[in-house]
Amino acid sequence: MTSGQQHTIDALLQRRADRELQIHPMERIMEVRDQPGRIVVTTTSAMLARGLYVAVATTYKGTLQIYYDAQADCLNMHWTKWRDCCGLLRRRASLSNSHID
């Protein structure tokens, strides 16, 4: 992910969080950390976190996996762009096709 892509996603997350803040004043983003290949967002609620990541997944297309740890009261999500998944499938298909005579 390029820094431009990270900036664009950061802006989307902030717009969505600002909109949610008007409806639910206690729900907000606490921290956004840009790391190589990923963005880590800490929120005050799992509901806001889910809404943010659904916004990213629907805006930029992709798959979203959600993991909830009840003991830690923590919601972890992993979003993957479809383009990345399709590239992997194309590489696998080309490898398997190369073995056919």
PDB file of N, CA and C in Angstrom:
ATOM      1  N   MET A   1       0.852  -1.169   0.000  1.00  0.00           N
ATOM      2  CA  MET A   1       0.000   0.000   0.000  1.00  0.00           C
ATOM      3  C   MET A   1       0.899   1.234   0.000  1.00  0.00           C
ATOM      4  N   THR A   2       0.633   2.143  -0.911  1.00  0.00           N
ATOM      5  CA  THR A   2       1.438   3.357  -0.996  1.00  0.00           C
ATOM      6  C   THR A   2       0.977   4.361   0.053  1.00  0.00           C
ATOM      7  N   SER A   3       1.807   5.371   0.287  1.00  0.00           N
ATOM      8  CA  SER A   3       1.434   6.388   1.277  1.00  0.00           C
ATOM      9  C   SER A   3       0.209   7.164   0.816  1.00  0.00           C
ATOM     10  N   GLY A   4       0.048   7.337  -0.510  1.00  0.00           N
ATOM     11  CA  GLY A   4      -1.141   8.008  -1.030  1.00  0.00           C
ATOM     12  C   GLY A   4      -2.399   7.209  -0.752  1.00  0.00           C
ATOM     13  N   GLN A   5      -2.307   5.880  -0.908  1.00  0.00           N
ATOM     14  CA  GLN A   5      -3.453   5.025  -0.611  1.00  0.00           C
ATOM     15  C   GLN A   5      -3.784   5.072   0.878  1.00  0.00           C
ATOM     16  N   GLN A   6      -2.758   5.041   1.714  1.00  0.00           N
ATOM     17  CA  GLN A   6      -2.983   5.106   3.156  1.00  0.00           C
ATOM     18  C   GLN A   6      -3.644   6.429   3.526  1.00  0.00           C
ATOM     19  N   HIS A   7      -3.191   7.522   2.921  1.00  0.00           N
ATOM     20  CA  HIS A   7      -3.773   8.836   3.207  1.00  0.00           C
ATOM     21  C   HIS A   7      -5.248   8.874   2.803  1.00  0.00           C
ATOM     22  N   THR A   8      -5.567   8.302   1.652  1.00  0.00           N
ATOM     23  CA  THR A   8      -6.948   8.275   1.168  1.00  0.00           C
ATOM     24  C   THR A   8      -7.834   7.462   2.109  1.00  0.00           C
ATOM     25  N   ILE A   9      -7.340   6.320   2.558  1.00  0.00           N
ATOM     26  CA  ILE A   9      -8.109   5.489   3.492  1.00  0.00           C
ATOM     27  C   ILE A   9      -8.239   6.183   4.840  1.00  0.00           C
ATOM     28  N   ASP A  10      -7.161   6.825   5.305  1.00  0.00           N
ATOM     29  CA  ASP A  10      -7.226   7.595   6.558  1.00  0.00           C
ATOM     30  C   ASP A  10      -8.320   8.655   6.482  1.00  0.00           C
ATOM     31  N   ALA A  11      -8.403   9.360   5.343  1.00  0.00           N
ATOM     32  CA  ALA A  11      -9.402  10.412   5.170  1.00  0.00           C
ATOM     33  C   ALA A  11     -10.819   9.828   5.203  1.00  0.00           C
ATOM     34  N   LEU A  12     -11.023   8.680   4.558  1.00  0.00           N
ATOM     35  CA  LEU A  12     -12.321   8.014   4.586  1.00  0.00           C
ATOM     36  C   LEU A  12     -12.700   7.636   6.012  1.00  0.00           C
ATOM     37  N   LEU A  13     -11.754   7.063   6.747  1.00  0.00           N
ATOM     38  CA  LEU A  13     -12.017   6.672   8.133  1.00  0.00           C
ATOM     39  C   LEU A  13     -12.403   7.887   8.973  1.00  0.00           C
ATOM     40  N   GLN A  14     -11.696   8.998   8.790  1.00  0.00           N
ATOM     41  CA  GLN A  14     -11.979  10.191   9.583  1.00  0.00           C
ATOM     42  C   GLN A  14     -13.348  10.784   9.249  1.00  0.00           C
ATOM     43  N   ARG A  15     -13.701  10.803   7.953  1.00  0.00           N
ATOM     44  CA  ARG A  15     -15.029  11.303   7.564  1.00  0.00           C
ATOM     45  C   ARG A  15     -16.135  10.451   8.184  1.00  0.00           C
ATOM     46  N   ARG A  16     -15.956   9.141   8.123  1.00  0.00           N
ATOM     47  CA  ARG A  16     -16.962   8.228   8.683  1.00  0.00           C
ATOM     48  C   ARG A  16     -17.050   8.403  10.199  1.00  0.00           C
ATOM     49  N   ALA A  17     -15.916   8.532  10.873  1.00  0.00           N
ATOM     50  CA  ALA A  17     -15.901   8.711  12.327  1.00  0.00           C
ATOM     51  C   ALA A  17     -16.550  10.033  12.717  1.00  0.00           C
ATOM     52  N   ASP A  18     -16.302  11.092  11.946  1.00  0.00           N
ATOM     53  CA  ASP A  18     -16.919  12.393  12.230  1.00  0.00           C
ATOM     54  C   ASP A  18     -18.439  12.309  12.118  1.00  0.00           C
ATOM     55  N   ARG A  19     -18.918  11.575  11.111  1.00  0.00           N
ATOM     56  CA  ARG A  19     -20.359  11.395  10.924  1.00  0.00           C
ATOM     57  C   ARG A  19     -20.955  10.617  12.109  1.00  0.00           C
ATOM     58  N   GLU A  20     -20.282   9.565  12.526  1.00  0.00           N
ATOM     59  CA  GLU A  20     -20.763   8.763  13.661  1.00  0.00           C
ATOM     60  C   GLU A  20     -20.744   9.558  14.960  1.00  0.00           C
ATOM     61  N   LEU A  21     -19.751  10.436  15.118  1.00  0.00           N
ATOM     62  CA  LEU A  21     -19.622  11.241  16.330  1.00  0.00           C
ATOM     63  C   LEU A  21     -20.841  12.132  16.533  1.00  0.00           C
ATOM     64  N   GLN A  22     -21.439  12.606  15.453  1.00  0.00           N
ATOM     65  CA  GLN A  22     -22.638  13.441  15.559  1.00  0.00           C
ATOM     66  C   GLN A  22     -23.828  12.648  16.101  1.00  0.00           C
ATOM     67  N   ILE A  23     -23.891  11.371  15.754  1.00  0.00           N
ATOM     68  CA  ILE A  23     -25.003  10.522  16.187  1.00  0.00           C
ATOM     69  C   ILE A  23     -24.731   9.915  17.563  1.00  0.00           C
ATOM     70  N   HIS A  24     -23.500   9.444  17.765  1.00  0.00           N
ATOM     71  CA  HIS A  24     -23.094   8.780  19.010  1.00  0.00           C
ATOM     72  C   HIS A  24     -21.860   9.489  19.563  1.00  0.00           C
ATOM     73  N   PRO A  25     -22.040  10.508  20.421  1.00  0.00           N
ATOM     74  CA  PRO A  25     -20.925  11.344  20.876  1.00  0.00           C
ATOM     75  C   PRO A  25     -19.797  10.608  21.611  1.00  0.00           C
ATOM     76  N   MET A  26     -20.077   9.445  22.157  1.00  0.00           N
ATOM     77  CA  MET A  26     -19.030   8.731  22.901  1.00  0.00           C
ATOM     78  C   MET A  26     -18.192   7.815  22.008  1.00  0.00           C
ATOM     79  N   GLU A  27     -18.606   7.631  20.773  1.00  0.00           N
ATOM     80  CA  GLU A  27     -17.871   6.756  19.866  1.00  0.00           C
ATOM     81  C   GLU A  27     -16.938   7.592  18.994  1.00  0.00           C
ATOM     82  N   ARG A  28     -15.664   7.297  19.106  1.00  0.00           N
ATOM     83  CA  ARG A  28     -14.696   8.071  18.339  1.00  0.00           C
ATOM     84  C   ARG A  28     -13.419   7.275  18.097  1.00  0.00           C
ATOM     85  N   ILE A  29     -12.626   7.763  17.179  1.00  0.00           N
ATOM     86  CA  ILE A  29     -11.305   7.181  16.913  1.00  0.00           C
ATOM     87  C   ILE A  29     -10.354   7.706  17.970  1.00  0.00           C
ATOM     88  N   MET A  30      -9.632   6.802  18.605  1.00  0.00           N
ATOM     89  CA  MET A  30      -8.656   7.207  19.610  1.00  0.00           C
ATOM     90  C   MET A  30      -7.274   7.373  19.001  1.00  0.00           C
ATOM     91  N   GLU A  31      -6.938   6.492  18.039  1.00  0.00           N
ATOM     92  CA  GLU A  31      -5.598   6.545  17.451  1.00  0.00           C
ATOM     93  C   GLU A  31      -5.620   5.890  16.070  1.00  0.00           C
ATOM     94  N   VAL A  32      -4.843   6.461  15.148  1.00  0.00           N
ATOM     95  CA  VAL A  32      -4.629   5.871  13.837  1.00  0.00           C
ATOM     96  C   VAL A  32      -3.123   5.786  13.642  1.00  0.00           C
ATOM     97  N   ARG A  33      -2.635   4.569  13.415  1.00  0.00           N
ATOM     98  CA  ARG A  33      -1.202   4.364  13.175  1.00  0.00           C
ATOM     99  C   ARG A  33      -1.020   3.768  11.794  1.00  0.00           C
ATOM    100  N   ASP A  34      -0.273   4.469  10.968  1.00  0.00           N
ATOM    101  CA  ASP A  34       0.070   3.944   9.650  1.00  0.00           C
ATOM    102  C   ASP A  34       1.331   3.115   9.780  1.00  0.00           C
ATOM    103  N   GLN A  35       1.234   1.867   9.385  1.00  0.00           N
ATOM    104  CA  GLN A  35       2.374   0.962   9.395  1.00  0.00           C
ATOM    105  C   GLN A  35       2.550   0.439   7.980  1.00  0.00           C
ATOM    106  N   PRO A  36       3.728  -0.049   7.645  1.00  0.00           N
ATOM    107  CA  PRO A  36       3.929  -0.560   6.287  1.00  0.00           C
ATOM    108  C   PRO A  36       2.900  -1.641   5.936  1.00  0.00           C
ATOM    109  N   GLY A  37       2.096  -1.357   4.911  1.00  0.00           N
ATOM    110  CA  GLY A  37       1.117  -2.330   4.446  1.00  0.00           C
ATOM    111  C   GLY A  37      -0.146  -2.438   5.262  1.00  0.00           C
ATOM    112  N   ARG A  38      -0.302  -1.605   6.291  1.00  0.00           N
ATOM    113  CA  ARG A  38      -1.502  -1.701   7.111  1.00  0.00           C
ATOM    114  C   ARG A  38      -1.760  -0.409   7.863  1.00  0.00           C
ATOM    115  N   ILE A  39      -2.985  -0.240   8.279  1.00  0.00           N
ATOM    116  CA  ILE A  39      -3.399   0.890   9.103  1.00  0.00           C
ATOM    117  C   ILE A  39      -4.047   0.309  10.342  1.00  0.00           C
ATOM    118  N   VAL A  40      -3.588   0.716  11.518  1.00  0.00           N
ATOM    119  CA  VAL A  40      -4.136   0.232  12.779  1.00  0.00           C
ATOM    120  C   VAL A  40      -4.972   1.359  13.380  1.00  0.00           C
ATOM    121  N   VAL A  41      -6.259   1.079  13.594  1.00  0.00           N
ATOM    122  CA  VAL A  41      -7.185   2.082  14.121  1.00  0.00           C
ATOM    123  C   VAL A  41      -7.716   1.597  15.459  1.00  0.00           C
ATOM    124  N   THR A  42      -7.596   2.444  16.484  1.00  0.00           N
ATOM    125  CA  THR A  42      -8.129   2.140  17.804  1.00  0.00           C
ATOM    126  C   THR A  42      -9.344   3.035  18.028  1.00  0.00           C
ATOM    127  N   THR A  43     -10.476   2.421  18.396  1.00  0.00           N
ATOM    128  CA  THR A  43     -11.714   3.173  18.606  1.00  0.00           C
ATOM    129  C   THR A  43     -12.236   2.936  20.016  1.00  0.00           C
ATOM    130  N   THR A  44     -13.246   3.720  20.377  1.00  0.00           N
ATOM    131  CA  THR A  44     -13.853   3.560  21.702  1.00  0.00           C
ATOM    132  C   THR A  44     -14.901   2.459  21.744  1.00  0.00           C
ATOM    133  N   SER A  45     -15.310   1.956  20.561  1.00  0.00           N
ATOM    134  CA  SER A  45     -16.322   0.899  20.566  1.00  0.00           C
ATOM    135  C   SER A  45     -16.141  -0.034  19.375  1.00  0.00           C
ATOM    136  N   ALA A  46     -16.570  -1.260  19.565  1.00  0.00           N
ATOM    137  CA  ALA A  46     -16.520  -2.243  18.488  1.00  0.00           C
ATOM    138  C   ALA A  46     -17.481  -1.866  17.372  1.00  0.00           C
ATOM    139  N   MET A  47     -18.599  -1.233  17.728  1.00  0.00           N
ATOM    140  CA  MET A  47     -19.580  -0.841  16.721  1.00  0.00           C
ATOM    141  C   MET A  47     -18.974   0.179  15.743  1.00  0.00           C
ATOM    142  N   LEU A  48     -18.242   1.142  16.257  1.00  0.00           N
ATOM    143  CA  LEU A  48     -17.598   2.126  15.387  1.00  0.00           C
ATOM    144  C   LEU A  48     -16.519   1.459  14.537  1.00  0.00           C
ATOM    145  N   ALA A  49     -15.742   0.580  15.143  1.00  0.00           N
ATOM    146  CA  ALA A  49     -14.684  -0.122  14.397  1.00  0.00           C
ATOM    147  C   ALA A  49     -15.290  -0.902  13.234  1.00  0.00           C
ATOM    148  N   ARG A  50     -16.364  -1.603  13.496  1.00  0.00           N
ATOM    149  CA  ARG A  50     -17.018  -2.376  12.431  1.00  0.00           C
ATOM    150  C   ARG A  50     -17.524  -1.452  11.333  1.00  0.00           C
ATOM    151  N   GLY A  51     -18.140  -0.347  11.706  1.00  0.00           N
ATOM    152  CA  GLY A  51     -18.645   0.597  10.724  1.00  0.00           C
ATOM    153  C   GLY A  51     -17.538   1.195   9.861  1.00  0.00           C
ATOM    154  N   LEU A  52     -16.407   1.487  10.476  1.00  0.00           N
ATOM    155  CA  LEU A  52     -15.271   2.046   9.734  1.00  0.00           C
ATOM    156  C   LEU A  52     -14.745   1.049   8.706  1.00  0.00           C
ATOM    157  N   TYR A  53     -14.576  -0.175   9.122  1.00  0.00           N
ATOM    158  CA  TYR A  53     -14.013  -1.163   8.219  1.00  0.00           C
ATOM    159  C   TYR A  53     -14.994  -1.612   7.147  1.00  0.00           C
ATOM    160  N   VAL A  54     -16.276  -1.614   7.462  1.00  0.00           N
ATOM    161  CA  VAL A  54     -17.265  -1.905   6.424  1.00  0.00           C
ATOM    162  C   VAL A  54     -17.231  -0.796   5.378  1.00  0.00           C
ATOM    163  N   ALA A  55     -17.062   0.453   5.830  1.00  0.00           N
ATOM    164  CA  ALA A  55     -16.956   1.575   4.889  1.00  0.00           C
ATOM    165  C   ALA A  55     -15.752   1.399   3.961  1.00  0.00           C
ATOM    166  N   VAL A  56     -14.630   0.976   4.507  1.00  0.00           N
ATOM    167  CA  VAL A  56     -13.436   0.750   3.682  1.00  0.00           C
ATOM    168  C   VAL A  56     -13.681  -0.397   2.708  1.00  0.00           C
ATOM    169  N   ALA A  57     -14.230  -1.485   3.198  1.00  0.00           N
ATOM    170  CA  ALA A  57     -14.430  -2.664   2.351  1.00  0.00           C
ATOM    171  C   ALA A  57     -15.420  -2.396   1.225  1.00  0.00           C
ATOM    172  N   THR A  58     -16.471  -1.622   1.495  1.00  0.00           N
ATOM    173  CA  THR A  58     -17.450  -1.353   0.448  1.00  0.00           C
ATOM    174  C   THR A  58     -16.984  -0.260  -0.501  1.00  0.00           C
ATOM    175  N   THR A  59     -16.219   0.702  -0.008  1.00  0.00           N
ATOM    176  CA  THR A  59     -15.734   1.781  -0.860  1.00  0.00           C
ATOM    177  C   THR A  59     -14.626   1.306  -1.788  1.00  0.00           C
ATOM    178  N   TYR A  60     -13.695   0.551  -1.253  1.00  0.00           N
ATOM    179  CA  TYR A  60     -12.527   0.145  -2.029  1.00  0.00           C
ATOM    180  C   TYR A  60     -12.581  -1.303  -2.488  1.00  0.00           C
ATOM    181  N   LYS A  61     -13.713  -1.961  -2.279  1.00  0.00           N
ATOM    182  CA  LYS A  61     -13.926  -3.356  -2.668  1.00  0.00           C
ATOM    183  C   LYS A  61     -12.902  -4.255  -1.980  1.00  0.00           C
ATOM    184  N   GLY A  62     -13.345  -5.374  -1.564  1.00  0.00           N
ATOM    185  CA  GLY A  62     -12.446  -6.311  -0.915  1.00  0.00           C
ATOM    186  C   GLY A  62     -13.207  -7.251  -0.010  1.00  0.00           C
ATOM    187  N   THR A  63     -12.453  -7.991   0.749  1.00  0.00           N
ATOM    188  CA  THR A  63     -13.056  -8.919   1.700  1.00  0.00           C
ATOM    189  C   THR A  63     -12.690  -8.478   3.108  1.00  0.00           C
ATOM    190  N   LEU A  64     -13.590  -8.705   4.009  1.00  0.00           N
ATOM    191  CA  LEU A  64     -13.419  -8.278   5.386  1.00  0.00           C
ATOM    192  C   LEU A  64     -13.612  -9.481   6.298  1.00  0.00           C
ATOM    193  N   GLN A  65     -12.614  -9.746   7.107  1.00  0.00           N
ATOM    194  CA  GLN A  65     -12.706 -10.821   8.099  1.00  0.00           C
ATOM    195  C   GLN A  65     -12.734 -10.162   9.475  1.00  0.00           C
ATOM    196  N   ILE A  66     -13.671 -10.591  10.319  1.00  0.00           N
ATOM    197  CA  ILE A  66     -13.844 -10.000  11.640  1.00  0.00           C
ATOM    198  C   ILE A  66     -13.604 -11.067  12.700  1.00  0.00           C
ATOM    199  N   TYR A  67     -12.788 -10.729  13.685  1.00  0.00           N
ATOM    200  CA  TYR A  67     -12.471 -11.633  14.793  1.00  0.00           C
ATOM    201  C   TYR A  67     -12.775 -10.893  16.096  1.00  0.00           C
ATOM    202  N   TYR A  68     -13.576 -11.507  16.959  1.00  0.00           N
ATOM    203  CA  TYR A  68     -13.909 -10.890  18.231  1.00  0.00           C
ATOM    204  C   TYR A  68     -13.347 -11.726  19.364  1.00  0.00           C
ATOM    205  N   ASP A  69     -12.583 -11.088  20.242  1.00  0.00           N
ATOM    206  CA  ASP A  69     -12.022 -11.735  21.422  1.00  0.00           C
ATOM    207  C   ASP A  69     -12.825 -11.237  22.624  1.00  0.00           C
ATOM    208  N   ALA A  70     -13.741 -12.068  23.118  1.00  0.00           N
ATOM    209  CA  ALA A  70     -14.637 -11.660  24.198  1.00  0.00           C
ATOM    210  C   ALA A  70     -13.880 -11.386  25.497  1.00  0.00           C
ATOM    211  N   GLN A  71     -12.840 -12.162  25.764  1.00  0.00           N
ATOM    212  CA  GLN A  71     -12.092 -11.961  27.002  1.00  0.00           C
ATOM    213  C   GLN A  71     -11.392 -10.609  27.023  1.00  0.00           C
ATOM    214  N   ALA A  72     -10.831 -10.215  25.904  1.00  0.00           N
ATOM    215  CA  ALA A  72     -10.125  -8.936  25.828  1.00  0.00           C
ATOM    216  C   ALA A  72     -11.053  -7.800  25.417  1.00  0.00           C
ATOM    217  N   ASP A  73     -12.312  -8.125  25.102  1.00  0.00           N
ATOM    218  CA  ASP A  73     -13.272  -7.152  24.578  1.00  0.00           C
ATOM    219  C   ASP A  73     -12.628  -6.368  23.433  1.00  0.00           C
ATOM    220  N   CYS A  74     -12.137  -7.147  22.473  1.00  0.00           N
ATOM    221  CA  CYS A  74     -11.362  -6.579  21.374  1.00  0.00           C
ATOM    222  C   CYS A  74     -11.889  -7.117  20.045  1.00  0.00           C
ATOM    223  N   LEU A  75     -12.048  -6.236  19.081  1.00  0.00           N
ATOM    224  CA  LEU A  75     -12.514  -6.594  17.749  1.00  0.00           C
ATOM    225  C   LEU A  75     -11.363  -6.364  16.775  1.00  0.00           C
ATOM    226  N   ASN A  76     -10.935  -7.409  16.106  1.00  0.00           N
ATOM    227  CA  ASN A  76      -9.866  -7.303  15.114  1.00  0.00           C
ATOM    228  C   ASN A  76     -10.452  -7.593  13.742  1.00  0.00           C
ATOM    229  N   MET A  77     -10.059  -6.779  12.776  1.00  0.00           N
ATOM    230  CA  MET A  77     -10.551  -6.959  11.414  1.00  0.00           C
ATOM    231  C   MET A  77      -9.391  -6.951  10.448  1.00  0.00           C
ATOM    232  N   HIS A  78      -9.540  -7.736   9.406  1.00  0.00           N
ATOM    233  CA  HIS A  78      -8.527  -7.792   8.363  1.00  0.00           C
ATOM    234  C   HIS A  78      -9.221  -7.603   7.033  1.00  0.00           C
ATOM    235  N   TRP A  79      -8.859  -6.537   6.335  1.00  0.00           N
ATOM    236  CA  TRP A  79      -9.451  -6.223   5.038  1.00  0.00           C
ATOM    237  C   TRP A  79      -8.414  -6.467   3.958  1.00  0.00           C
ATOM    238  N   THR A  80      -8.811  -7.159   2.903  1.00  0.00           N
ATOM    239  CA  THR A  80      -7.922  -7.450   1.783  1.00  0.00           C
ATOM    240  C   THR A  80      -8.568  -6.940   0.506  1.00  0.00           C
ATOM    241  N   LYS A  81      -7.794  -6.206  -0.283  1.00  0.00           N
ATOM    242  CA  LYS A  81      -8.326  -5.719  -1.555  1.00  0.00           C
ATOM    243  C   LYS A  81      -8.547  -6.891  -2.488  1.00  0.00           C
ATOM    244  N   TRP A  82      -9.644  -6.860  -3.250  1.00  0.00           N
ATOM    245  CA  TRP A  82      -9.932  -7.935  -4.199  1.00  0.00           C
ATOM    246  C   TRP A  82      -8.856  -8.046  -5.241  1.00  0.00           C
ATOM    247  N   ARG A  83      -8.313  -6.924  -5.677  1.00  0.00           N
ATOM    248  CA  ARG A  83      -7.289  -6.947  -6.708  1.00  0.00           C
ATOM    249  C   ARG A  83      -6.118  -7.830  -6.265  1.00  0.00           C
ATOM    250  N   ASP A  84      -5.745  -7.730  -5.010  1.00  0.00           N
ATOM    251  CA  ASP A  84      -4.656  -8.551  -4.488  1.00  0.00           C
ATOM    252  C   ASP A  84      -5.028 -10.031  -4.532  1.00  0.00           C
ATOM    253  N   CYS A  85      -6.273 -10.354  -4.159  1.00  0.00           N
ATOM    254  CA  CYS A  85      -6.727 -11.737  -4.172  1.00  0.00           C
ATOM    255  C   CYS A  85      -6.764 -12.271  -5.599  1.00  0.00           C
ATOM    256  N   CYS A  86      -7.257 -11.454  -6.532  1.00  0.00           N
ATOM    257  CA  CYS A  86      -7.342 -11.890  -7.926  1.00  0.00           C
ATOM    258  C   CYS A  86      -5.950 -12.124  -8.508  1.00  0.00           C
ATOM    259  N   GLY A  87      -5.004 -11.293  -8.130  1.00  0.00           N
ATOM    260  CA  GLY A  87      -3.630 -11.486  -8.600  1.00  0.00           C
ATOM    261  C   GLY A  87      -3.064 -12.808  -8.121  1.00  0.00           C
ATOM    262  N   LEU A  88      -3.351 -13.154  -6.885  1.00  0.00           N
ATOM    263  CA  LEU A  88      -2.890 -14.423  -6.340  1.00  0.00           C
ATOM    264  C   LEU A  88      -3.526 -15.584  -7.093  1.00  0.00           C
ATOM    265  N   LEU A  89      -4.832 -15.484  -7.364  1.00  0.00           N
ATOM    266  CA  LEU A  89      -5.509 -16.547  -8.104  1.00  0.00           C
ATOM    267  C   LEU A  89      -4.964 -16.670  -9.526  1.00  0.00           C
ATOM    268  N   ARG A  90      -4.676 -15.535 -10.175  1.00  0.00           N
ATOM    269  CA  ARG A  90      -4.112 -15.575 -11.528  1.00  0.00           C
ATOM    270  C   ARG A  90      -2.745 -16.255 -11.522  1.00  0.00           C
ATOM    271  N   ARG A  91      -1.938 -15.935 -10.524  1.00  0.00           N
ATOM    272  CA  ARG A  91      -0.604 -16.567 -10.437  1.00  0.00           C
ATOM    273  C   ARG A  91      -0.740 -18.072 -10.240  1.00  0.00           C
ATOM    274  N   ARG A  92      -1.671 -18.480  -9.381  1.00  0.00           N
ATOM    275  CA  ARG A  92      -1.884 -19.916  -9.163  1.00  0.00           C
ATOM    276  C   ARG A  92      -2.363 -20.593 -10.441  1.00  0.00           C
ATOM    277  N   ALA A  93      -3.292 -19.932 -11.154  1.00  0.00           N
ATOM    278  CA  ALA A  93      -3.822 -20.504 -12.400  1.00  0.00           C
ATOM    279  C   ALA A  93      -2.715 -20.632 -13.450  1.00  0.00           C
ATOM    280  N   SER A  94      -1.856 -19.610 -13.548  1.00  0.00           N
ATOM    281  CA  SER A  94      -0.800 -19.682 -14.548  1.00  0.00           C
ATOM    282  C   SER A  94       0.210 -20.774 -14.206  1.00  0.00           C
ATOM    283  N   LEU A  95       0.447 -20.977 -12.907  1.00  0.00           N
ATOM    284  CA  LEU A  95       1.358 -22.055 -12.501  1.00  0.00           C
ATOM    285  C   LEU A  95       0.760 -23.418 -12.842  1.00  0.00           C
ATOM    286  N   SER A  96      -0.535 -23.593 -12.574  1.00  0.00           N
ATOM    287  CA  SER A  96      -1.154 -24.892 -12.848  1.00  0.00           C
ATOM    288  C   SER A  96      -1.301 -25.115 -14.343  1.00  0.00           C
ATOM    289  N   ASN A  97      -1.538 -24.069 -15.126  1.00  0.00           N
ATOM    290  CA  ASN A  97      -1.655 -24.199 -16.574  1.00  0.00           C
ATOM    291  C   ASN A  97      -0.311 -24.492 -17.235  1.00  0.00           C
ATOM    292  N   SER A  98       0.763 -24.065 -16.613  1.00  0.00           N
ATOM    293  CA  SER A  98       2.076 -24.288 -17.208  1.00  0.00           C
ATOM    294  C   SER A  98       2.469 -25.776 -17.193  1.00  0.00           C
ATOM    295  N   HIS A  99       1.783 -26.570 -16.359  1.00  0.00           N
ATOM    296  CA  HIS A  99       2.075 -27.990 -16.268  1.00  0.00           C
ATOM    297  C   HIS A  99       1.239 -28.839 -17.223  1.00  0.00           C
ATOM    298  N   ILE A 100       0.301 -28.195 -17.941  1.00  0.00           N
ATOM    299  CA  ILE A 100      -0.561 -28.918 -18.872  1.00  0.00           C
ATOM    300  C   ILE A 100       0.073 -28.907 -20.250  1.00  0.00           C
ATOM    301  N   ASP A 101       0.146 -30.097 -20.903  1.00  0.00           N
ATOM    302  CA  ASP A 101       0.724 -30.185 -22.266  1.00  0.00           C
ATOM    303  C   ASP A 101      -0.340 -30.158 -23.304  1.00  0.00           C
TER     304      ASP A 101
END
